[in-house]
C-alpha atoms as a PDB file:
ATOM      1  CA  MET A   1     -44.149  -4.900  -1.054  1.00  0.00           C
ATOM      2  CA  THR A   2     -44.806  -8.620  -1.512  1.00  0.00           C
ATOM      3  CA  VAL A   3     -48.212  -9.722  -2.726  1.00  0.00           C
ATOM      4  CA  VAL A   4     -49.479 -12.814  -0.959  1.00  0.00           C
ATOM      5  CA  GLU A   5     -51.568 -15.221  -3.029  1.00  0.00           C
ATOM      6  CA  PRO A   6     -54.364 -16.775  -1.030  1.00  0.00           C
ATOM      7  CA  ARG A   7     -54.280 -20.553  -0.344  1.00  0.00           C
ATOM      8  CA  PRO A   8     -57.890 -21.581  -0.083  1.00  0.00           C
ATOM      9  CA  PRO A   9     -59.724 -22.768   1.831  1.00  0.00           C
ATOM     10  CA  LEU A  10     -59.420 -19.760   4.066  1.00  0.00           C
ATOM     11  CA  PRO A  11     -60.304 -19.283   7.719  1.00  0.00           C
ATOM     12  CA  PRO A  12     -62.643 -19.277   9.502  1.00  0.00           C
ATOM     13  CA  PHE A  13     -62.998 -22.958   8.753  1.00  0.00           C
ATOM     14  CA  THR A  14     -66.178 -25.030   8.487  1.00  0.00           C
ATOM     15  CA  LEU A  15     -66.235 -28.825   8.679  1.00  0.00           C
ATOM     16  CA  GLU A  16     -66.070 -28.963   4.908  1.00  0.00           C
ATOM     17  CA  THR A  17     -63.266 -26.475   4.468  1.00  0.00           C
ATOM     18  CA  ALA A  18     -61.195 -27.865   7.394  1.00  0.00           C
ATOM     19  CA  THR A  19     -61.509 -31.347   5.886  1.00  0.00           C
ATOM     20  CA  GLN A  20     -60.354 -29.970   2.501  1.00  0.00           C
ATOM     21  CA  LYS A  21     -57.403 -28.218   4.084  1.00  0.00           C
ATOM     22  CA  VAL A  22     -56.310 -31.501   5.808  1.00  0.00           C
ATOM     23  CA  ARG A  23     -56.508 -33.450   2.594  1.00  0.00           C
ATOM     24  CA  LEU A  24     -54.610 -30.801   0.633  1.00  0.00           C
ATOM     25  CA  ALA A  25     -51.856 -30.914   3.290  1.00  0.00           C
ATOM     26  CA  GLU A  26     -51.771 -34.746   3.052  1.00  0.00           C
ATOM     27  CA  ASP A  27     -51.523 -34.605  -0.675  1.00  0.00           C
ATOM     28  CA  ALA A  28     -48.695 -32.133  -0.600  1.00  0.00           C
ATOM     29  CA  TRP A  29     -46.683 -34.127   1.990  1.00  0.00           C
ATOM     30  CA  ASN A  30     -47.187 -37.327  -0.015  1.00  0.00           C
ATOM     31  CA  SER A  31     -45.574 -35.595  -2.988  1.00  0.00           C
ATOM     32  CA  LYS A  32     -42.330 -35.550  -0.936  1.00  0.00           C
ATOM     33  CA  ASP A  33     -41.512 -32.227  -2.667  1.00  0.00           C
ATOM     34  CA  PRO A  34     -40.058 -29.884   0.037  1.00  0.00           C
ATOM     35  CA  GLN A  35     -40.504 -26.775  -2.131  1.00  0.00           C
ATOM     36  CA  ARG A  36     -44.171 -27.545  -2.904  1.00  0.00           C
ATOM     37  CA  VAL A  37     -44.930 -28.292   0.766  1.00  0.00           C
ATOM     38  CA  SER A  38     -43.226 -25.073   1.949  1.00  0.00           C
ATOM     39  CA  LEU A  39     -45.518 -22.886  -0.137  1.00  0.00           C
ATOM     40  CA  ALA A  40     -48.446 -23.759   2.224  1.00  0.00           C
ATOM     41  CA  TYR A  41     -46.668 -21.894   5.088  1.00  0.00           C
ATOM     42  CA  THR A  42     -46.056 -18.253   5.771  1.00  0.00           C
ATOM     43  CA  PRO A  43     -42.560 -17.050   4.937  1.00  0.00           C
ATOM     44  CA  ASP A  44     -41.926 -16.690   8.757  1.00  0.00           C
ATOM     45  CA  THR A  45     -43.835 -19.897   9.795  1.00  0.00           C
ATOM     46  CA  ARG A  46     -42.943 -21.201  13.286  1.00  0.00           C
ATOM     47  CA  TRP A  47     -42.588 -24.935  13.716  1.00  0.00           C
ATOM     48  CA  ARG A  48     -42.091 -27.401  16.527  1.00  0.00           C
ATOM     49  CA  ASN A  49     -41.520 -30.861  15.119  1.00  0.00           C
ATOM     50  CA  ARG A  50     -40.777 -33.441  17.819  1.00  0.00           C
ATOM     51  CA  ASN A  51     -37.873 -31.768  19.573  1.00  0.00           C
ATOM     52  CA  GLU A  52     -36.807 -29.440  16.813  1.00  0.00           C
ATOM     53  CA  PHE A  53     -37.817 -25.754  16.574  1.00  0.00           C
ATOM     54  CA  PHE A  54     -37.363 -23.614  13.507  1.00  0.00           C
ATOM     55  CA  VAL A  55     -38.675 -20.555  11.726  1.00  0.00           C
ATOM     56  CA  GLY A  56     -39.263 -19.838   7.998  1.00  0.00           C
ATOM     57  CA  ARG A  57     -39.811 -21.597   4.765  1.00  0.00           C
ATOM     58  CA  ASN A  58     -36.084 -22.120   4.105  1.00  0.00           C
ATOM     59  CA  GLN A  59     -35.801 -24.116   7.294  1.00  0.00           C
ATOM     60  CA  VAL A  60     -38.944 -26.031   6.421  1.00  0.00           C
ATOM     61  CA  VAL A  61     -37.368 -27.047   3.078  1.00  0.00           C
ATOM     62  CA  GLU A  62     -34.095 -28.103   4.821  1.00  0.00           C
ATOM     63  CA  PHE A  63     -36.017 -30.109   7.366  1.00  0.00           C
ATOM     64  CA  LEU A  64     -38.185 -31.890   4.833  1.00  0.00           C
ATOM     65  CA  THR A  65     -35.254 -32.624   2.477  1.00  0.00           C
ATOM     66  CA  ALA A  66     -33.427 -34.360   5.339  1.00  0.00           C
ATOM     67  CA  LYS A  67     -36.606 -36.139   6.488  1.00  0.00           C
ATOM     68  CA  TRP A  68     -37.405 -37.700   3.143  1.00  0.00           C
ATOM     69  CA  ALA A  69     -33.787 -38.710   2.572  1.00  0.00           C
ATOM     70  CA  LYS A  70     -34.085 -40.749   5.830  1.00  0.00           C
ATOM     71  CA  GLU A  71     -37.714 -41.836   5.656  1.00  0.00           C
ATOM     72  CA  ARG A  72     -37.970 -43.895   2.464  1.00  0.00           C
ATOM     73  CA  ASP A  73     -41.185 -45.058   0.756  1.00  0.00           C
ATOM     74  CA  TYR A  74     -43.041 -42.569   2.920  1.00  0.00           C
ATOM     75  CA  ARG A  75     -46.868 -42.796   2.854  1.00  0.00           C
ATOM     76  CA  LEU A  76     -48.972 -40.466   5.036  1.00  0.00           C
ATOM     77  CA  ILE A  77     -52.677 -40.265   6.074  1.00  0.00           C
ATOM     78  CA  LYS A  78     -53.955 -37.225   7.939  1.00  0.00           C
ATOM     79  CA  GLU A  79     -57.414 -36.951   9.556  1.00  0.00           C
ATOM     80  CA  LEU A  80     -59.225 -33.983  10.918  1.00  0.00           C
ATOM     81  CA  TRP A  81     -59.570 -34.014  14.693  1.00  0.00           C
ATOM     82  CA  ALA A  82     -60.933 -30.594  15.539  1.00  0.00           C
ATOM     83  CA  PHE A  83     -61.219 -27.073  14.090  1.00  0.00           C
ATOM     84  CA  GLY A  84     -62.303 -23.545  15.071  1.00  0.00           C
ATOM     85  CA  GLY A  85     -61.728 -20.140  13.573  1.00  0.00           C
ATOM     86  CA  ASP A  86     -58.223 -20.109  12.148  1.00  0.00           C
ATOM     87  CA  ARG A  87     -57.044 -23.338  13.817  1.00  0.00           C
ATOM     88  CA  ILE A  88     -57.126 -27.005  12.860  1.00  0.00           C
ATOM     89  CA  ALA A  89     -55.996 -30.060  14.807  1.00  0.00           C
ATOM     90  CA  VAL A  90     -55.129 -33.289  12.977  1.00  0.00           C
ATOM     91  CA  ARG A  91     -54.038 -36.771  13.837  1.00  0.00           C
ATOM     92  CA  PHE A  92     -51.878 -38.671  11.382  1.00  0.00           C
ATOM     93  CA  ALA A  93     -49.900 -41.797  10.747  1.00  0.00           C
ATOM     94  CA  TYR A  94     -47.253 -42.458   8.174  1.00  0.00           C
ATOM     95  CA  GLU A  95     -45.215 -45.542   7.187  1.00  0.00           C
ATOM     96  CA  TRP A  96     -41.629 -45.534   6.004  1.00  0.00           C
ATOM     97  CA  HIS A  97     -38.448 -47.559   6.133  1.00  0.00           C
ATOM     98  CA  ASP A  98     -34.840 -46.645   6.920  1.00  0.00           C
ATOM     99  CA  HIS A  99     -31.799 -47.281   4.821  1.00  0.00           C
ATOM    100  CA  ALA A 100     -31.404 -50.792   6.331  1.00  0.00           C
ATOM    101  CA  GLY A 101     -34.991 -51.719   5.342  1.00  0.00           C
ATOM    102  CA  HIS A 102     -36.505 -51.574   8.802  1.00  0.00           C
ATOM    103  CA  TRP A 103     -40.216 -50.438   8.625  1.00  0.00           C
ATOM    104  CA  PHE A 104     -41.892 -47.955  10.989  1.00  0.00           C
ATOM    105  CA  ARG A 105     -45.296 -46.434  11.517  1.00  0.00           C
ATOM    106  CA  SER A 106     -45.102 -42.955  12.971  1.00  0.00           C
ATOM    107  CA  TYR A 107     -48.169 -41.684  14.806  1.00  0.00           C
ATOM    108  CA  GLY A 108     -48.791 -38.032  15.726  1.00  0.00           C
ATOM    109  CA  ASN A 109     -50.902 -35.022  16.305  1.00  0.00           C
ATOM    110  CA  GLU A 110     -50.515 -31.567  14.841  1.00  0.00           C
ATOM    111  CA  ASN A 111     -51.932 -28.213  15.817  1.00  0.00           C
ATOM    112  CA  TRP A 112     -52.091 -25.656  12.961  1.00  0.00           C
ATOM    113  CA  GLN A 113     -52.804 -21.936  12.950  1.00  0.00           C
ATOM    114  CA  PHE A 114     -53.445 -20.039   9.697  1.00  0.00           C
ATOM    115  CA  ASP A 115     -53.224 -16.412   8.651  1.00  0.00           C
ATOM    116  CA  GLY A 116     -55.974 -14.698   6.731  1.00  0.00           C
ATOM    117  CA  HIS A 117     -54.537 -15.776   3.415  1.00  0.00           C
ATOM    118  CA  GLY A 118     -54.857 -19.509   4.344  1.00  0.00           C
ATOM    119  CA  LEU A 119     -51.096 -19.975   4.954  1.00  0.00           C
ATOM    120  CA  MET A 120     -50.001 -21.918   7.978  1.00  0.00           C
ATOM    121  CA  ALA A 121     -48.291 -19.561  10.397  1.00  0.00           C
ATOM    122  CA  MET A 122     -47.705 -22.132  13.201  1.00  0.00           C
ATOM    123  CA  ARG A 123     -47.312 -25.938  13.220  1.00  0.00           C
ATOM    124  CA  HIS A 124     -46.812 -27.920  16.439  1.00  0.00           C
ATOM    125  CA  ALA A 125     -46.205 -31.663  15.915  1.00  0.00           C
ATOM    126  CA  SER A 126     -45.877 -34.474  18.451  1.00  0.00           C
ATOM    127  CA  ILE A 127     -44.794 -37.780  16.921  1.00  0.00           C
ATOM    128  CA  ASN A 128     -43.915 -41.313  18.092  1.00  0.00           C
ATOM    129  CA  ASP A 129     -42.330 -44.050  15.986  1.00  0.00           C
ATOM    130  CA  LEU A 130     -43.296 -47.707  16.200  1.00  0.00           C
ATOM    131  CA  ALA A 131     -41.181 -50.404  14.572  1.00  0.00           C
ATOM    132  CA  ILE A 132     -43.369 -52.676  12.453  1.00  0.00           C
ATOM    133  CA  GLY A 133     -42.744 -55.730  10.224  1.00  0.00           C
ATOM    134  CA  GLU A 134     -43.153 -55.274   6.524  1.00  0.00           C
ATOM    135  CA  GLY A 135     -46.197 -57.568   6.699  1.00  0.00           C
ATOM    136  CA  ASP A 136     -47.828 -55.141   9.186  1.00  0.00           C
ATOM    137  CA  ARG A 137     -47.913 -52.316   6.743  1.00  0.00           C
ATOM    138  CA  LYS A 138     -51.352 -50.836   5.923  1.00  0.00           C
ATOM    139  CA  PHE A 139     -50.387 -48.141   3.403  1.00  0.00           C
ATOM    140  CA  HIS A 140     -49.850 -49.847   0.043  1.00  0.00           C
ATOM    141  CA  TRP A 141     -50.715 -47.290  -2.610  1.00  0.00           C
ATOM    142  CA  PRO A 142     -48.115 -46.182  -5.207  1.00  0.00           C
ATOM    143  CA  SER A 143     -45.863 -43.242  -4.230  1.00  0.00           C
ATOM    144  CA  GLY A 144     -47.751 -39.999  -4.250  1.00  0.00           C
ATOM    145  CA  ARG A 145     -51.374 -39.021  -3.490  1.00  0.00           C
ATOM    146  CA  ARG A 146     -53.405 -41.508  -1.492  1.00  0.00           C
ATOM    147  CA  PRO A 147     -56.202 -42.757  -3.750  1.00  0.00           C
ATOM    148  CA  ASP A 148     -59.690 -41.542  -2.830  1.00  0.00           C
ATOM    149  CA  ASP A 149     -60.902 -45.094  -2.207  1.00  0.00           C
ATOM    150  CA  HIS A 150     -58.070 -46.037   0.167  1.00  0.00           C
ATOM    151  CA  PRO A 151     -59.319 -46.181   3.804  1.00  0.00           C
ATOM    152  CA  GLY A 152     -58.432 -43.395   6.216  1.00  0.00           C
ATOM    153  CA  LEU A 153     -57.099 -43.776   9.723  1.00  0.00           C
ATOM    154  CA  SER A 154     -60.379 -44.490  11.446  1.00  0.00           C
ATOM    155  CA  ALA A 155     -61.365 -47.099   8.829  1.00  0.00           C
ATOM    156  CA  LEU A 156     -58.043 -48.788   9.322  1.00  0.00           C
ATOM    157  CA  GLY A 157     -58.422 -48.860  13.080  1.00  0.00           C
ATOM    158  CA  LEU A 158     -55.524 -46.528  13.627  1.00  0.00           C
END
Protein backbone atom coordinates (compact mmCIF):
# COMPACT_ATOMS: atom_id res chain seq x y z
CA MET A 1 0.00 0.00 0.00
CA THR A 2 1.31 3.43 -1.01
CA VAL A 3 1.37 6.17 1.61
CA VAL A 4 0.27 9.53 0.20
CA GLU A 5 1.96 12.59 1.67
CA PRO A 6 -0.43 15.53 2.04
CA ARG A 7 0.20 18.63 -0.12
CA PRO A 8 -1.11 21.52 1.95
CA PRO A 9 -3.11 23.60 1.79
CA LEU A 10 -5.89 21.01 1.86
CA PRO A 11 -9.55 21.30 0.91
CA PRO A 12 -12.00 22.62 1.81
CA PHE A 13 -10.37 25.88 0.70
CA THR A 14 -10.73 29.33 2.22
CA LEU A 15 -9.81 32.53 0.41
CA GLU A 16 -6.41 32.41 2.10
CA THR A 17 -5.67 28.74 1.37
CA ALA A 18 -6.98 28.90 -2.21
CA THR A 19 -4.75 31.91 -2.86
CA GLN A 20 -1.78 29.99 -1.38
CA LYS A 21 -2.54 26.95 -3.57
CA VAL A 22 -2.61 29.13 -6.69
CA ARG A 23 0.73 30.75 -5.85
CA LEU A 24 2.33 27.37 -5.11
CA ALA A 25 1.17 26.13 -8.51
CA GLU A 26 2.53 29.25 -10.22
CA ASP A 27 5.89 28.83 -8.47
CA ALA A 28 6.13 25.17 -9.47
CA TRP A 29 5.28 25.85 -13.13
CA ASN A 30 7.80 28.73 -13.24
CA SER A 31 10.49 26.25 -12.15
CA LYS A 32 9.97 24.52 -15.53
CA ASP A 33 10.78 21.22 -13.77
CA PRO A 34 8.28 18.62 -15.05
CA GLN A 35 9.05 16.14 -12.25
CA ARG A 36 8.53 18.77 -9.54
CA VAL A 37 5.28 19.96 -11.12
CA SER A 38 3.93 16.41 -11.50
CA LEU A 39 4.15 15.78 -7.74
CA ALA A 40 1.25 18.20 -7.17
CA TYR A 41 -1.08 15.82 -9.05
CA THR A 42 -2.61 12.47 -8.12
CA PRO A 43 -0.89 9.48 -9.76
CA ASP A 44 -4.03 9.04 -11.93
CA THR A 45 -4.71 12.75 -12.52
CA ARG A 46 -6.97 13.54 -15.48
CA TRP A 47 -6.09 16.49 -17.72
CA ARG A 48 -7.55 18.39 -20.61
CA ASN A 49 -5.08 20.92 -21.92
CA ARG A 50 -6.34 22.76 -24.99
CA ASN A 51 -7.25 19.86 -27.29
CA GLU A 52 -5.15 17.20 -25.55
CA PHE A 53 -6.46 14.69 -23.01
CA PHE A 54 -4.26 12.52 -20.83
CA VAL A 55 -4.15 10.60 -17.57
CA GLY A 56 -1.41 10.14 -14.98
CA ARG A 57 1.77 11.78 -13.77
CA ASN A 58 3.92 10.13 -16.44
CA GLN A 59 1.88 11.78 -19.17
CA VAL A 60 2.03 15.09 -17.28
CA VAL A 61 5.85 14.86 -17.27
CA GLU A 62 5.92 14.01 -21.00
CA PHE A 63 3.57 16.88 -21.81
CA LEU A 64 5.49 19.46 -19.74
CA THR A 65 8.86 18.33 -21.09
CA ALA A 66 7.66 18.91 -24.66
CA LYS A 67 5.91 22.17 -23.69
CA TRP A 68 8.99 23.78 -22.20
CA ALA A 69 11.21 22.59 -25.04
CA LYS A 70 8.93 24.60 -27.38
CA GLU A 71 7.99 27.53 -25.10
CA ARG A 72 11.29 29.22 -24.31
CA ASP A 73 11.87 31.86 -21.62
CA TYR A 74 8.49 30.90 -20.15
CA ARG A 75 7.12 33.23 -17.42
CA LEU A 76 3.69 32.58 -15.85
CA ILE A 77 1.30 34.48 -13.59
CA LYS A 78 -1.77 32.74 -12.12
CA GLU A 79 -4.62 34.49 -10.30
CA LEU A 80 -7.42 33.05 -8.21
CA TRP A 81 -10.80 33.46 -9.90
CA ALA A 82 -13.14 31.39 -7.70
CA PHE A 83 -13.09 28.55 -5.17
CA GLY A 84 -15.38 26.29 -3.20
CA GLY A 85 -14.93 23.03 -1.32
CA ASP A 86 -12.30 21.00 -3.17
CA ARG A 87 -12.29 23.12 -6.37
CA ILE A 88 -10.39 26.18 -7.52
CA ALA A 89 -10.72 28.20 -10.74
CA VAL A 90 -7.83 30.34 -11.93
CA ARG A 91 -7.04 32.62 -14.80
CA PHE A 92 -3.52 32.94 -16.05
CA ALA A 93 -1.21 34.44 -18.62
CA TYR A 94 2.26 33.43 -19.64
CA GLU A 95 4.83 34.78 -22.03
CA TRP A 96 7.26 32.77 -24.12
CA HIS A 97 9.04 32.72 -27.45
CA ASP A 98 9.46 30.00 -30.04
CA HIS A 99 12.71 28.74 -31.58
CA ALA A 100 12.58 31.53 -34.19
CA GLY A 101 12.35 34.23 -31.48
CA HIS A 102 8.68 35.12 -32.01
CA TRP A 103 7.04 36.18 -28.74
CA PHE A 104 3.58 35.14 -27.50
CA ARG A 105 1.35 35.80 -24.55
CA SER A 106 -0.92 32.86 -23.78
CA TYR A 107 -4.12 33.54 -21.85
CA GLY A 108 -6.26 30.93 -20.18
CA ASN A 109 -8.51 29.57 -17.50
CA GLU A 110 -8.12 26.41 -15.47
CA ASN A 111 -10.55 24.44 -13.35
CA TRP A 112 -8.95 22.30 -10.67
CA GLN A 113 -10.36 19.58 -8.41
CA PHE A 114 -8.35 18.22 -5.48
CA ASP A 115 -8.44 15.03 -3.45
CA GLY A 116 -8.40 15.02 0.36
CA HIS A 117 -4.59 15.03 0.40
CA GLY A 118 -4.40 18.31 -1.53
CA LEU A 119 -3.31 16.64 -4.79
CA MET A 120 -4.92 17.80 -8.01
CA ALA A 121 -7.08 15.00 -9.40
CA MET A 122 -8.48 16.94 -12.39
CA ARG A 123 -7.23 19.89 -14.44
CA HIS A 124 -9.18 21.41 -17.32
CA ALA A 125 -7.36 24.19 -19.21
CA SER A 126 -8.56 26.45 -22.01
CA ILE A 127 -5.78 28.55 -23.57
CA ASN A 128 -5.41 31.07 -26.41
CA ASP A 129 -2.12 32.37 -27.82
CA LEU A 130 -1.55 35.97 -28.91
CA ALA A 131 1.51 36.97 -30.92
CA ILE A 132 3.21 39.97 -29.30
CA GLY A 133 6.27 42.04 -30.05
CA GLU A 134 9.23 41.75 -27.73
CA GLY A 135 8.56 45.35 -26.64
CA ASP A 136 5.02 44.35 -25.58
CA ARG A 137 6.25 41.90 -22.97
CA LYS A 138 5.19 42.55 -19.36
CA PHE A 139 6.89 39.64 -17.53
CA HIS A 140 10.54 40.61 -17.08
CA TRP A 141 11.74 38.84 -13.94
CA PRO A 142 14.68 36.38 -14.10
CA SER A 143 13.79 32.76 -14.88
CA GLY A 144 12.11 31.05 -11.93
CA ARG A 145 9.72 32.26 -9.24
CA ARG A 146 7.94 35.58 -9.85
CA PRO A 147 9.18 38.10 -7.27
CA ASP A 148 6.65 39.01 -4.59
CA ASP A 149 6.74 42.68 -5.63
CA HIS A 150 6.04 41.95 -9.33
CA PRO A 151 2.47 42.95 -10.28
CA GLY A 152 -0.12 40.26 -10.84
CA LEU A 153 -2.55 39.98 -13.75
CA SER A 154 -5.11 42.48 -12.46
CA ALA A 155 -2.44 45.09 -11.64
CA LEU A 156 -1.00 44.65 -15.15
CA GLY A 157 -4.40 45.13 -16.74
CA LEU A 158 -4.44 41.60 -18.09
